[in-house]
Amino acid sequence: MKTIIPDPQLDDELQELYILSNHWISDIHFEEVEIGFLKKMINDYLMPGLKNGQLNQMADINKTLTRQDENIADLKTKIAGLLKFIGGLINESNAEIRIELVEKFAVLEAEMRTLFKSVKQVKKLLFSFTEAVRKTECNVFTDQITQSLYL
């Protein structure tokens, strides 16, 4: 479909798509930094004090974070391609605009939501796990104190 009559509203909508897509880059960067923080916390602070079963659970969480990192790299590439495509449409006054643009945008938007939801779930799981380990350690410590009082 070629634009026969100039449509300023269409230009505005393309620019809005471009701005939204460009904003995803900062959203992804935030998630990337957050995943890095969680990995550092796991590796530097949690892993050294864990026991066998706990180590396996934490390794699974770490693997999930690594997969999310890989998803981020893939999303960055897809978003860069979308931005290049939209930028070309904005700069060409007689560019052909197809439904694929909206479909690409919608697919990427869904992938972004899935990534954000997944990172949020891992954070909840990690904090729940950490809380359970802390409670277990507190109970063990309390039991040790109680036992030493009766010796």
Protein backbone atom coordinates (compact mmCIF):
# COMPACT_ATOMS: atom_id res chain seq x y z
CA MET A 1 0.00 0.00 0.00
CA LYS A 2 1.56 3.28 -1.08
CA THR A 3 0.65 6.59 0.47
CA ILE A 4 -0.93 8.71 -2.22
CA ILE A 5 -2.07 11.58 -0.03
CA PRO A 6 0.34 12.80 2.65
CA ASP A 7 -1.01 11.89 6.08
CA PRO A 8 0.53 13.84 8.97
CA GLN A 9 -1.33 11.67 11.48
CA LEU A 10 0.35 8.57 10.03
CA ASP A 11 3.73 10.27 10.34
CA ASP A 12 2.95 11.07 13.99
CA GLU A 13 1.91 7.47 14.64
CA LEU A 14 5.11 6.15 13.04
CA GLN A 15 7.14 8.49 15.19
CA GLU A 16 5.23 7.31 18.25
CA LEU A 17 6.01 3.69 17.36
CA TYR A 18 9.64 4.68 16.95
CA ILE A 19 9.74 6.45 20.32
CA LEU A 20 8.05 3.53 22.10
CA SER A 21 10.39 1.03 20.49
CA ASN A 22 13.37 3.18 21.33
CA HIS A 23 12.21 3.37 24.95
CA TRP A 24 12.34 -0.44 25.08
CA ILE A 25 16.12 -0.18 24.84
CA SER A 26 16.27 1.58 28.23
CA ASP A 27 13.74 -0.90 29.67
CA ILE A 28 15.90 -3.79 28.51
CA HIS A 29 19.01 -2.14 29.89
CA PHE A 30 17.30 -1.86 33.27
CA GLU A 31 16.39 -5.57 33.22
CA GLU A 32 19.93 -6.43 32.12
CA VAL A 33 21.42 -4.53 35.07
CA GLU A 34 18.91 -6.10 37.43
CA ILE A 35 19.76 -9.62 36.22
CA GLY A 36 23.45 -8.82 36.67
CA PHE A 37 22.76 -7.68 40.23
CA LEU A 38 20.80 -10.86 41.01
CA LYS A 39 23.55 -13.07 39.57
CA LYS A 40 26.19 -11.25 41.63
CA MET A 41 24.07 -11.59 44.75
CA ILE A 42 23.62 -15.31 44.11
CA ASN A 43 27.25 -16.04 43.31
CA ASP A 44 28.92 -13.79 45.88
CA TYR A 45 26.54 -13.94 48.83
CA LEU A 46 24.13 -16.86 48.62
CA MET A 47 26.00 -19.76 47.00
CA PRO A 48 28.89 -19.93 49.49
CA GLY A 49 26.56 -20.63 52.43
CA LEU A 50 24.20 -23.11 50.79
CA LYS A 51 23.98 -26.86 51.22
CA ASN A 52 23.55 -29.53 48.49
CA GLY A 53 19.79 -29.33 47.83
CA GLN A 54 19.84 -25.59 48.16
CA LEU A 55 22.78 -25.38 45.75
CA ASN A 56 20.77 -27.28 43.13
CA GLN A 57 17.80 -24.93 43.53
CA MET A 58 20.04 -21.90 43.28
CA ALA A 59 21.76 -23.34 40.20
CA ASP A 60 18.33 -23.64 38.55
CA ILE A 61 17.57 -19.99 39.35
CA ASN A 62 20.97 -19.01 37.95
CA LYS A 63 20.26 -20.94 34.73
CA THR A 64 16.96 -19.12 34.36
CA LEU A 65 18.73 -15.78 34.74
CA THR A 66 21.27 -16.83 32.09
CA ARG A 67 18.42 -17.72 29.69
CA GLN A 68 16.88 -14.32 30.36
CA ASP A 69 20.21 -12.69 29.52
CA GLU A 70 20.18 -14.57 26.21
CA ASN A 71 16.61 -13.42 25.56
CA ILE A 72 17.71 -9.84 26.19
CA ALA A 73 20.47 -10.11 23.58
CA ASP A 74 17.93 -11.46 21.07
CA LEU A 75 15.43 -8.71 21.88
CA LYS A 76 18.08 -6.02 21.45
CA THR A 77 18.77 -7.28 17.94
CA LYS A 78 15.07 -7.43 17.06
CA ILE A 79 14.40 -3.95 18.43
CA ALA A 80 17.37 -2.50 16.54
CA GLY A 81 15.94 -4.00 13.33
CA LEU A 82 12.49 -2.59 14.07
CA LEU A 83 13.92 0.87 14.80
CA LYS A 84 15.86 0.81 11.54
CA PHE A 85 12.74 -0.23 9.65
CA ILE A 86 10.51 2.42 11.26
CA GLY A 87 13.21 5.07 10.82
CA GLY A 88 13.29 4.30 7.11
CA LEU A 89 9.52 4.71 6.88
CA ILE A 90 9.63 8.04 8.69
CA ASN A 91 12.38 9.36 6.43
CA GLU A 92 10.74 8.23 3.17
CA SER A 93 7.61 10.16 2.35
CA ASN A 94 6.43 7.62 -0.22
CA ALA A 95 7.37 4.47 1.69
CA GLU A 96 5.09 1.49 1.55
CA ILE A 97 3.61 0.67 4.94
CA ARG A 98 2.33 -2.84 5.50
CA ILE A 99 0.53 -4.69 8.26
CA GLU A 100 3.79 -6.52 9.02
CA LEU A 101 4.99 -3.41 10.82
CA VAL A 102 2.16 -3.57 13.33
CA GLU A 103 2.61 -7.33 13.65
CA LYS A 104 6.37 -6.98 14.32
CA PHE A 105 5.67 -4.30 16.90
CA ALA A 106 3.00 -6.40 18.62
CA VAL A 107 5.23 -9.50 18.71
CA LEU A 108 8.12 -7.54 20.21
CA GLU A 109 5.83 -5.88 22.71
CA ALA A 110 4.58 -9.32 23.81
CA GLU A 111 8.16 -10.60 24.10
CA MET A 112 9.08 -7.59 26.23
CA ARG A 113 6.11 -8.19 28.55
CA THR A 114 7.07 -11.87 28.83
CA LEU A 115 10.64 -10.94 29.71
CA PHE A 116 9.55 -8.46 32.38
CA LYS A 117 7.11 -10.96 33.85
CA SER A 118 9.75 -13.69 33.86
CA VAL A 119 12.34 -11.52 35.61
CA LYS A 120 9.73 -10.52 38.19
CA GLN A 121 8.88 -14.19 38.84
CA VAL A 122 12.54 -15.09 39.28
CA LYS A 123 13.00 -12.20 41.72
CA LYS A 124 10.02 -13.39 43.77
CA LEU A 125 11.33 -16.95 43.71
CA LEU A 126 14.82 -15.84 44.69
CA PHE A 127 13.62 -13.68 47.58
CA SER A 128 11.27 -16.42 48.81
CA PHE A 129 14.10 -18.91 48.63
CA THR A 130 16.44 -16.54 50.48
CA GLU A 131 13.82 -15.97 53.17
CA ALA A 132 13.32 -19.73 53.60
CA VAL A 133 17.08 -20.28 53.91
CA ARG A 134 17.32 -17.45 56.43
CA LYS A 135 14.49 -18.90 58.52
CA THR A 136 16.06 -22.35 58.38
CA GLU A 137 19.42 -20.96 59.48
CA CYS A 138 17.76 -18.99 62.29
CA ASN A 139 15.96 -22.13 63.46
CA VAL A 140 19.19 -24.14 63.41
CA PHE A 141 20.96 -21.41 65.35
CA THR A 142 18.09 -21.19 67.86
CA ASP A 143 18.11 -24.99 68.28
CA GLN A 144 21.86 -24.92 68.91
CA ILE A 145 21.44 -22.24 71.59
CA THR A 146 18.58 -24.14 73.21
CA GLN A 147 20.60 -27.35 73.24
CA SER A 148 23.65 -25.62 74.73
CA LEU A 149 21.49 -24.21 77.54
CA TYR A 150 20.44 -27.70 78.62
CA LEU A 151 23.92 -29.24 78.51
